[in-house]
Amino acid sequence: MFVIWFLFDKSDHEYLSSIIQKLSNQYNCHSFIPHITAHGIINTNIEQIDKIITDSIKGIKSFFIEKNKLTFTDNFWKTLFIDISPNQKMVEINKKLRNDLPLKQDYDFSPHISLMYKKINEKEKEKLEATIITKNNFKISKLGILKFSENINEWKIIQEYSLNG
């Protein structure tokens, strides 16, 4: 099974990684690669995914995304995250992927950058929301195929695609 991610340029990757790592150390939870899910879990062969991604990003250059707010939910996969305003390029890529790649399960495209995956109480999430300050925009420069596992430690990007038009 695979998932397709939007990936950040080097400086934003490092910036977000440092926040994720700090939280994982502080709360004894998994660290992971900063990303925005472009398309949910798919169970198809890698050759088909490769062709569809290549077609989906043709002519698209790297782009900036804007932060809406830092927030949290009770959903484990959205414990603490940066809510992102979807822009035209993100929506266009997601739409092409959605049209050509069958999802294994329902996935609503709501762009966000997860900072932490852990069940913690509401008060703790409110405290984090109030104390963590992040940049307002980030640069997306790649798409990646993630070999998905329920175990976050086994996540592995197996292919990357540069957005250079």
N, C-alpha and C. Protein backbone atom coordinates (compact mmCIF):
# COMPACT_ATOMS: atom_id res chain seq x y z
N MET A 1 0.84 -1.18 0.00
CA MET A 1 0.00 0.00 0.00
C MET A 1 0.88 1.25 0.00
N PHE A 2 0.38 2.28 -0.66
CA PHE A 2 1.15 3.50 -0.83
C PHE A 2 0.29 4.71 -0.54
N VAL A 3 0.96 5.81 -0.22
CA VAL A 3 0.33 7.12 -0.02
C VAL A 3 1.20 8.12 -0.79
N ILE A 4 0.58 9.14 -1.35
CA ILE A 4 1.34 10.17 -2.07
C ILE A 4 1.35 11.43 -1.22
N TRP A 5 2.56 11.96 -1.04
CA TRP A 5 2.76 13.13 -0.19
C TRP A 5 3.29 14.30 -0.99
N PHE A 6 2.87 15.52 -0.59
CA PHE A 6 3.57 16.73 -0.97
C PHE A 6 4.75 16.84 0.00
N LEU A 7 5.93 17.17 -0.52
CA LEU A 7 7.12 17.30 0.31
C LEU A 7 7.69 18.71 0.19
N PHE A 8 8.41 19.13 1.21
CA PHE A 8 8.89 20.51 1.31
C PHE A 8 10.29 20.67 0.77
N ASP A 9 10.63 21.92 0.43
CA ASP A 9 12.01 22.20 0.04
C ASP A 9 12.90 21.99 1.26
N LYS A 10 14.21 21.97 1.04
CA LYS A 10 15.18 21.59 2.08
C LYS A 10 15.04 22.41 3.36
N SER A 11 14.96 23.74 3.24
CA SER A 11 14.92 24.56 4.46
C SER A 11 13.62 24.38 5.24
N ASP A 12 12.49 24.28 4.55
CA ASP A 12 11.23 24.06 5.26
C ASP A 12 11.15 22.63 5.82
N HIS A 13 11.73 21.68 5.11
CA HIS A 13 11.80 20.30 5.61
C HIS A 13 12.56 20.29 6.95
N GLU A 14 13.70 20.95 6.98
CA GLU A 14 14.51 21.00 8.21
C GLU A 14 13.79 21.75 9.33
N TYR A 15 13.15 22.85 8.97
CA TYR A 15 12.40 23.65 9.95
C TYR A 15 11.30 22.81 10.60
N LEU A 16 10.49 22.14 9.77
CA LEU A 16 9.39 21.33 10.29
C LEU A 16 9.89 20.09 11.02
N SER A 17 10.95 19.48 10.51
CA SER A 17 11.54 18.31 11.17
C SER A 17 11.98 18.64 12.59
N SER A 18 12.54 19.83 12.78
CA SER A 18 13.01 20.19 14.12
C SER A 18 11.83 20.33 15.09
N ILE A 19 10.70 20.85 14.63
CA ILE A 19 9.50 20.96 15.48
C ILE A 19 8.98 19.56 15.81
N ILE A 20 8.87 18.71 14.79
CA ILE A 20 8.37 17.34 14.97
C ILE A 20 9.28 16.57 15.92
N GLN A 21 10.59 16.70 15.74
CA GLN A 21 11.55 15.99 16.58
C GLN A 21 11.46 16.47 18.03
N LYS A 22 11.35 17.77 18.22
CA LYS A 22 11.25 18.33 19.57
C LYS A 22 10.00 17.79 20.28
N LEU A 23 8.87 17.77 19.57
CA LEU A 23 7.63 17.25 20.15
C LEU A 23 7.73 15.75 20.42
N SER A 24 8.37 15.01 19.51
CA SER A 24 8.49 13.56 19.72
C SER A 24 9.36 13.26 20.93
N ASN A 25 10.40 14.06 21.15
CA ASN A 25 11.24 13.88 22.34
C ASN A 25 10.49 14.26 23.61
N GLN A 26 9.79 15.38 23.54
CA GLN A 26 9.07 15.89 24.71
C GLN A 26 7.91 14.98 25.13
N TYR A 27 7.24 14.36 24.16
CA TYR A 27 6.04 13.57 24.45
C TYR A 27 6.23 12.07 24.21
N ASN A 28 7.47 11.67 23.96
CA ASN A 28 7.77 10.27 23.74
C ASN A 28 6.84 9.63 22.70
N CYS A 29 6.82 10.27 21.53
CA CYS A 29 6.00 9.74 20.43
C CYS A 29 6.85 9.66 19.17
N HIS A 30 6.27 9.13 18.12
CA HIS A 30 7.01 8.90 16.88
C HIS A 30 7.41 10.20 16.19
N SER A 31 8.60 10.20 15.66
CA SER A 31 9.05 11.26 14.77
C SER A 31 8.72 10.78 13.35
N PHE A 32 8.53 11.70 12.43
CA PHE A 32 8.19 11.32 11.06
C PHE A 32 8.60 12.43 10.10
N ILE A 33 8.57 12.12 8.83
CA ILE A 33 8.95 13.07 7.78
C ILE A 33 7.83 14.10 7.61
N PRO A 34 8.17 15.39 7.62
CA PRO A 34 7.14 16.41 7.39
C PRO A 34 6.54 16.25 5.99
N HIS A 35 5.22 16.37 5.92
CA HIS A 35 4.53 16.14 4.66
C HIS A 35 3.11 16.69 4.72
N ILE A 36 2.49 16.72 3.55
CA ILE A 36 1.05 16.94 3.43
C ILE A 36 0.56 15.81 2.54
N THR A 37 -0.43 15.09 2.99
CA THR A 37 -0.94 13.98 2.19
C THR A 37 -1.66 14.54 0.97
N ALA A 38 -1.18 14.14 -0.21
CA ALA A 38 -1.78 14.57 -1.47
C ALA A 38 -2.86 13.61 -1.92
N HIS A 39 -2.68 12.33 -1.54
CA HIS A 39 -3.64 11.29 -1.93
C HIS A 39 -3.52 10.14 -0.94
N GLY A 40 -4.64 9.66 -0.44
CA GLY A 40 -4.66 8.64 0.60
C GLY A 40 -4.20 7.28 0.13
N ILE A 41 -4.46 6.28 0.94
CA ILE A 41 -3.93 4.93 0.73
C ILE A 41 -4.45 4.32 -0.57
N ILE A 42 -3.48 3.87 -1.38
CA ILE A 42 -3.80 3.20 -2.64
C ILE A 42 -3.10 1.86 -2.66
N ASN A 43 -3.72 0.92 -3.33
CA ASN A 43 -3.15 -0.42 -3.41
C ASN A 43 -3.08 -0.79 -4.88
N THR A 44 -2.10 -0.24 -5.55
CA THR A 44 -1.93 -0.45 -6.98
C THR A 44 -0.44 -0.60 -7.24
N ASN A 45 -0.05 -1.01 -8.43
CA ASN A 45 1.38 -1.23 -8.67
C ASN A 45 2.13 0.08 -8.84
N ILE A 46 3.37 0.05 -8.48
CA ILE A 46 4.22 1.25 -8.46
C ILE A 46 4.40 1.86 -9.84
N GLU A 47 4.42 1.04 -10.87
CA GLU A 47 4.57 1.55 -12.24
C GLU A 47 3.39 2.44 -12.62
N GLN A 48 2.18 2.00 -12.25
CA GLN A 48 0.98 2.80 -12.55
C GLN A 48 1.02 4.11 -11.76
N ILE A 49 1.38 4.03 -10.49
CA ILE A 49 1.46 5.24 -9.65
C ILE A 49 2.49 6.21 -10.24
N ASP A 50 3.64 5.68 -10.63
CA ASP A 50 4.71 6.50 -11.20
C ASP A 50 4.21 7.28 -12.42
N LYS A 51 3.55 6.61 -13.33
CA LYS A 51 3.05 7.26 -14.55
C LYS A 51 2.02 8.34 -14.21
N ILE A 52 1.12 8.03 -13.30
CA ILE A 52 0.05 8.98 -12.95
C ILE A 52 0.62 10.21 -12.24
N ILE A 53 1.58 10.01 -11.34
CA ILE A 53 2.20 11.17 -10.68
C ILE A 53 2.94 12.03 -11.71
N THR A 54 3.72 11.38 -12.55
CA THR A 54 4.47 12.12 -13.58
C THR A 54 3.52 12.96 -14.44
N ASP A 55 2.40 12.38 -14.84
CA ASP A 55 1.40 13.12 -15.64
C ASP A 55 0.75 14.23 -14.82
N SER A 56 0.50 13.97 -13.54
CA SER A 56 -0.21 14.93 -12.68
C SER A 56 0.58 16.19 -12.38
N ILE A 57 1.91 16.10 -12.42
CA ILE A 57 2.72 17.27 -12.05
C ILE A 57 3.36 17.94 -13.26
N LYS A 58 3.07 17.42 -14.46
CA LYS A 58 3.65 18.00 -15.68
C LYS A 58 3.32 19.49 -15.76
N GLY A 59 4.35 20.31 -15.92
CA GLY A 59 4.16 21.76 -16.06
C GLY A 59 3.99 22.50 -14.75
N ILE A 60 4.04 21.82 -13.62
CA ILE A 60 3.86 22.48 -12.33
C ILE A 60 5.21 22.69 -11.65
N LYS A 61 5.47 23.93 -11.30
CA LYS A 61 6.71 24.29 -10.59
C LYS A 61 6.44 24.32 -9.09
N SER A 62 7.51 24.30 -8.30
CA SER A 62 7.35 24.38 -6.85
C SER A 62 6.52 25.62 -6.50
N PHE A 63 5.86 25.56 -5.36
CA PHE A 63 4.94 26.64 -4.99
C PHE A 63 4.88 26.79 -3.47
N PHE A 64 4.36 27.94 -3.04
CA PHE A 64 4.21 28.22 -1.62
C PHE A 64 2.78 27.94 -1.18
N ILE A 65 2.66 27.49 0.05
CA ILE A 65 1.35 27.29 0.67
C ILE A 65 1.29 28.18 1.90
N GLU A 66 0.07 28.54 2.28
CA GLU A 66 -0.15 29.46 3.41
C GLU A 66 -0.80 28.74 4.59
N LYS A 67 -0.31 29.08 5.77
CA LYS A 67 -0.88 28.56 7.01
C LYS A 67 -2.19 29.26 7.31
N ASN A 68 -3.20 28.49 7.68
CA ASN A 68 -4.43 29.05 8.23
C ASN A 68 -4.25 29.27 9.72
N LYS A 69 -3.94 28.16 10.41
CA LYS A 69 -3.77 28.22 11.87
C LYS A 69 -3.14 26.92 12.36
N LEU A 70 -2.62 26.97 13.56
CA LEU A 70 -2.17 25.76 14.25
C LEU A 70 -3.36 25.29 15.08
N THR A 71 -3.68 24.00 14.98
CA THR A 71 -4.86 23.50 15.69
C THR A 71 -4.71 22.02 16.02
N PHE A 72 -5.76 21.43 16.57
CA PHE A 72 -5.71 20.02 16.97
C PHE A 72 -7.09 19.41 16.85
N THR A 73 -7.14 18.07 16.88
CA THR A 73 -8.41 17.34 16.89
C THR A 73 -8.25 16.11 17.79
N ASP A 74 -9.32 15.33 17.90
CA ASP A 74 -9.26 14.06 18.63
C ASP A 74 -8.80 12.93 17.73
N ASN A 75 -8.69 13.19 16.43
CA ASN A 75 -8.21 12.20 15.47
C ASN A 75 -6.71 12.01 15.65
N PHE A 76 -6.27 10.78 15.87
CA PHE A 76 -4.85 10.48 16.08
C PHE A 76 -3.99 11.09 14.97
N TRP A 77 -4.44 11.00 13.71
CA TRP A 77 -3.65 11.47 12.57
C TRP A 77 -3.65 12.98 12.44
N LYS A 78 -4.44 13.64 13.28
CA LYS A 78 -4.47 15.10 13.30
C LYS A 78 -4.40 15.58 14.75
N THR A 79 -3.49 14.97 15.52
CA THR A 79 -3.35 15.33 16.94
C THR A 79 -3.05 16.81 17.07
N LEU A 80 -1.98 17.25 16.44
CA LEU A 80 -1.57 18.66 16.43
C LEU A 80 -1.06 18.94 15.04
N PHE A 81 -1.58 19.97 14.39
CA PHE A 81 -1.22 20.20 12.99
C PHE A 81 -1.37 21.65 12.57
N ILE A 82 -0.72 21.96 11.46
CA ILE A 82 -0.86 23.27 10.84
C ILE A 82 -1.89 23.12 9.73
N ASP A 83 -3.01 23.78 9.89
CA ASP A 83 -4.05 23.77 8.87
C ASP A 83 -3.59 24.66 7.71
N ILE A 84 -3.71 24.17 6.50
CA ILE A 84 -3.22 24.86 5.31
C ILE A 84 -4.37 25.31 4.42
N SER A 85 -4.27 26.52 3.88
CA SER A 85 -5.24 26.98 2.88
C SER A 85 -4.93 26.30 1.56
N PRO A 86 -5.85 25.49 1.04
CA PRO A 86 -5.56 24.81 -0.23
C PRO A 86 -5.38 25.84 -1.33
N ASN A 87 -4.33 25.69 -2.12
CA ASN A 87 -4.16 26.60 -3.25
C ASN A 87 -4.45 25.86 -4.55
N GLN A 88 -4.47 26.59 -5.64
CA GLN A 88 -4.88 26.04 -6.92
C GLN A 88 -4.00 24.87 -7.36
N LYS A 89 -2.69 24.97 -7.16
CA LYS A 89 -1.80 23.89 -7.60
C LYS A 89 -2.01 22.61 -6.80
N MET A 90 -2.17 22.75 -5.49
CA MET A 90 -2.44 21.56 -4.65
C MET A 90 -3.73 20.88 -5.08
N VAL A 91 -4.77 21.66 -5.25
CA VAL A 91 -6.08 21.12 -5.61
C VAL A 91 -6.01 20.46 -6.99
N GLU A 92 -5.31 21.09 -7.91
CA GLU A 92 -5.17 20.54 -9.26
C GLU A 92 -4.46 19.18 -9.23
N ILE A 93 -3.36 19.09 -8.49
CA ILE A 93 -2.63 17.83 -8.39
C ILE A 93 -3.50 16.77 -7.71
N ASN A 94 -4.14 17.13 -6.61
CA ASN A 94 -5.00 16.18 -5.90
C ASN A 94 -6.12 15.67 -6.81
N LYS A 95 -6.72 16.57 -7.57
CA LYS A 95 -7.83 16.18 -8.45
C LYS A 95 -7.35 15.19 -9.51
N LYS A 96 -6.18 15.46 -10.12
CA LYS A 96 -5.66 14.53 -11.12
C LYS A 96 -5.36 13.17 -10.50
N LEU A 97 -4.77 13.16 -9.33
CA LEU A 97 -4.47 11.90 -8.65
C LEU A 97 -5.76 11.15 -8.31
N ARG A 98 -6.72 11.87 -7.79
CA ARG A 98 -8.01 11.27 -7.41
C ARG A 98 -8.73 10.66 -8.60
N ASN A 99 -8.65 11.35 -9.74
CA ASN A 99 -9.33 10.86 -10.94
C ASN A 99 -8.70 9.58 -11.48
N ASP A 100 -7.38 9.41 -11.28
CA ASP A 100 -6.66 8.31 -11.92
C ASP A 100 -6.21 7.19 -11.00
N LEU A 101 -6.23 7.42 -9.70
CA LEU A 101 -5.77 6.40 -8.76
C LEU A 101 -6.89 6.00 -7.81
N PRO A 102 -7.25 4.72 -7.80
CA PRO A 102 -8.32 4.29 -6.90
C PRO A 102 -7.85 4.26 -5.44
N LEU A 103 -8.65 4.83 -4.58
CA LEU A 103 -8.34 4.83 -3.15
C LEU A 103 -8.78 3.52 -2.52
N LYS A 104 -7.98 3.04 -1.59
CA LYS A 104 -8.33 1.83 -0.84
C LYS A 104 -9.41 2.15 0.19
N GLN A 105 -9.40 3.38 0.70
CA GLN A 105 -10.41 3.82 1.66
C GLN A 105 -10.70 5.29 1.40
N ASP A 106 -11.81 5.79 1.92
CA ASP A 106 -12.17 7.19 1.72
C ASP A 106 -11.08 8.10 2.26
N TYR A 107 -10.83 9.19 1.54
CA TYR A 107 -9.87 10.18 2.01
C TYR A 107 -10.36 11.56 1.58
N ASP A 108 -10.63 12.40 2.57
CA ASP A 108 -11.01 13.79 2.30
C ASP A 108 -9.74 14.61 2.24
N PHE A 109 -9.54 15.32 1.14
CA PHE A 109 -8.36 16.16 0.99
C PHE A 109 -8.56 17.42 1.81
N SER A 110 -7.89 17.48 2.94
CA SER A 110 -7.91 18.69 3.77
C SER A 110 -6.45 18.94 4.16
N PRO A 111 -5.76 19.75 3.36
CA PRO A 111 -4.32 19.92 3.52
C PRO A 111 -3.92 20.40 4.91
N HIS A 112 -2.99 19.66 5.51
CA HIS A 112 -2.47 20.01 6.82
C HIS A 112 -1.08 19.40 6.98
N ILE A 113 -0.30 19.99 7.87
CA ILE A 113 1.03 19.49 8.20
C ILE A 113 0.96 18.98 9.63
N SER A 114 0.94 17.66 9.78
CA SER A 114 0.93 17.09 11.12
C SER A 114 2.25 17.38 11.81
N LEU A 115 2.17 17.70 13.09
CA LEU A 115 3.38 17.94 13.90
C LEU A 115 3.57 16.86 14.96
N MET A 116 2.49 16.11 15.20
CA MET A 116 2.54 15.13 16.28
C MET A 116 1.42 14.11 16.11
N TYR A 117 1.75 12.84 16.38
CA TYR A 117 0.75 11.77 16.42
C TYR A 117 0.82 11.15 17.81
N LYS A 118 -0.17 11.44 18.63
CA LYS A 118 -0.21 10.84 19.98
C LYS A 118 -1.55 11.19 20.62
N LYS A 119 -2.08 10.24 21.34
CA LYS A 119 -3.30 10.51 22.11
C LYS A 119 -2.89 11.29 23.37
N ILE A 120 -3.28 12.55 23.42
CA ILE A 120 -3.03 13.37 24.62
C ILE A 120 -4.32 14.10 24.97
N ASN A 121 -4.41 14.56 26.21
CA ASN A 121 -5.66 15.18 26.64
C ASN A 121 -5.83 16.58 26.04
N GLU A 122 -7.06 17.02 26.08
CA GLU A 122 -7.46 18.30 25.49
C GLU A 122 -6.67 19.48 26.05
N LYS A 123 -6.48 19.50 27.37
CA LYS A 123 -5.74 20.61 28.00
C LYS A 123 -4.32 20.71 27.47
N GLU A 124 -3.67 19.56 27.30
CA GLU A 124 -2.30 19.53 26.79
C GLU A 124 -2.25 20.04 25.35
N LYS A 125 -3.24 19.64 24.55
CA LYS A 125 -3.29 20.11 23.15
C LYS A 125 -3.52 21.62 23.10
N GLU A 126 -4.38 22.11 23.98
CA GLU A 126 -4.62 23.56 24.04
C GLU A 126 -3.35 24.31 24.42
N LYS A 127 -2.60 23.75 25.37
CA LYS A 127 -1.34 24.38 25.79
C LYS A 127 -0.36 24.42 24.60
N LEU A 128 -0.23 23.31 23.90
CA LEU A 128 0.66 23.27 22.74
C LEU A 128 0.23 24.27 21.67
N GLU A 129 -1.07 24.29 21.42
CA GLU A 129 -1.60 25.21 20.40
C GLU A 129 -1.24 26.67 20.75
N ALA A 130 -1.28 26.98 22.02
CA ALA A 130 -1.00 28.35 22.47
C ALA A 130 0.49 28.68 22.49
N THR A 131 1.35 27.67 22.61
CA THR A 131 2.77 27.95 22.77
C THR A 131 3.62 27.75 21.52
N ILE A 132 3.17 26.94 20.60
CA ILE A 132 3.97 26.70 19.39
C ILE A 132 3.65 27.78 18.36
N ILE A 133 4.67 28.43 17.91
CA ILE A 133 4.52 29.47 16.89
C ILE A 133 5.27 28.98 15.65
N THR A 134 4.61 29.03 14.51
CA THR A 134 5.23 28.57 13.28
C THR A 134 5.21 29.66 12.21
N LYS A 135 6.00 29.42 11.19
CA LYS A 135 6.00 30.30 10.02
C LYS A 135 4.60 30.33 9.40
N ASN A 136 4.40 31.29 8.51
CA ASN A 136 3.10 31.42 7.86
C ASN A 136 3.04 30.81 6.46
N ASN A 137 4.19 30.53 5.86
CA ASN A 137 4.14 29.88 4.55
C ASN A 137 5.30 28.90 4.40
N PHE A 138 5.10 27.94 3.52
CA PHE A 138 6.05 26.86 3.30
C PHE A 138 6.12 26.56 1.82
N LYS A 139 7.28 26.09 1.38
CA LYS A 139 7.47 25.81 -0.04
C LYS A 139 7.39 24.31 -0.32
N ILE A 140 6.48 23.95 -1.21
CA ILE A 140 6.35 22.56 -1.68
C ILE A 140 7.22 22.44 -2.93
N SER A 141 8.14 21.49 -2.92
CA SER A 141 9.03 21.34 -4.08
C SER A 141 9.03 19.94 -4.68
N LYS A 142 8.33 19.00 -4.02
CA LYS A 142 8.35 17.61 -4.51
C LYS A 142 7.05 16.89 -4.16
N LEU A 143 6.83 15.79 -4.85
CA LEU A 143 5.86 14.80 -4.44
C LEU A 143 6.65 13.54 -4.12
N GLY A 144 6.14 12.73 -3.23
CA GLY A 144 6.81 11.49 -2.89
C GLY A 144 5.81 10.36 -2.75
N ILE A 145 6.28 9.16 -3.03
CA ILE A 145 5.46 7.97 -2.78
C ILE A 145 5.96 7.35 -1.48
N LEU A 146 5.06 7.20 -0.55
CA LEU A 146 5.38 6.60 0.73
C LEU A 146 4.89 5.16 0.73
N LYS A 147 5.77 4.24 1.11
CA LYS A 147 5.34 2.85 1.36
C LYS A 147 4.70 2.88 2.74
N PHE A 148 3.39 2.72 2.75
CA PHE A 148 2.63 2.92 3.98
C PHE A 148 2.62 1.68 4.86
N SER A 149 2.62 1.93 6.16
CA SER A 149 2.48 0.90 7.18
C SER A 149 1.71 1.52 8.34
N GLU A 150 0.97 0.70 9.07
CA GLU A 150 0.32 1.19 10.29
C GLU A 150 1.36 1.63 11.31
N ASN A 151 2.57 1.05 11.22
CA ASN A 151 3.67 1.38 12.11
C ASN A 151 4.45 2.58 11.54
N ILE A 152 4.35 3.71 12.17
CA ILE A 152 4.97 4.95 11.69
C ILE A 152 6.49 4.78 11.51
N ASN A 153 7.12 3.97 12.35
CA ASN A 153 8.57 3.75 12.23
C ASN A 153 8.95 3.05 10.93
N GLU A 154 8.00 2.42 10.28
CA GLU A 154 8.28 1.71 9.03
C GLU A 154 8.00 2.57 7.79
N TRP A 155 7.51 3.77 7.97
CA TRP A 155 7.24 4.64 6.82
C TRP A 155 8.51 4.88 6.05
N LYS A 156 8.41 4.78 4.73
CA LYS A 156 9.60 4.99 3.90
C LYS A 156 9.19 5.58 2.56
N ILE A 157 9.83 6.69 2.21
CA ILE A 157 9.59 7.28 0.89
C ILE A 157 10.42 6.47 -0.10
N ILE A 158 9.76 5.94 -1.12
CA ILE A 158 10.47 5.07 -2.08
C ILE A 158 10.73 5.76 -3.42
N GLN A 159 10.07 6.90 -3.65
CA GLN A 159 10.28 7.62 -4.91
C GLN A 159 9.92 9.07 -4.69
N GLU A 160 10.72 9.98 -5.28
CA GLU A 160 10.42 11.41 -5.20
C GLU A 160 10.34 12.00 -6.61
N TYR A 161 9.53 13.04 -6.75
CA TYR A 161 9.34 13.73 -8.02
C TYR A 161 9.48 15.22 -7.80
N SER A 162 10.45 15.84 -8.44
CA SER A 162 10.66 17.28 -8.29
C SER A 162 9.63 18.06 -9.07
N LEU A 163 9.18 19.15 -8.48
CA LEU A 163 8.27 20.07 -9.17
C LEU A 163 9.13 21.15 -9.81
N ASN A 164 9.43 20.96 -11.06
CA ASN A 164 10.24 21.97 -11.75
C ASN A 164 9.67 22.28 -13.13
N GLY A 165 8.38 22.04 -13.28
CA GLY A 165 7.67 22.41 -14.48
C GLY A 165 8.03 21.58 -15.66
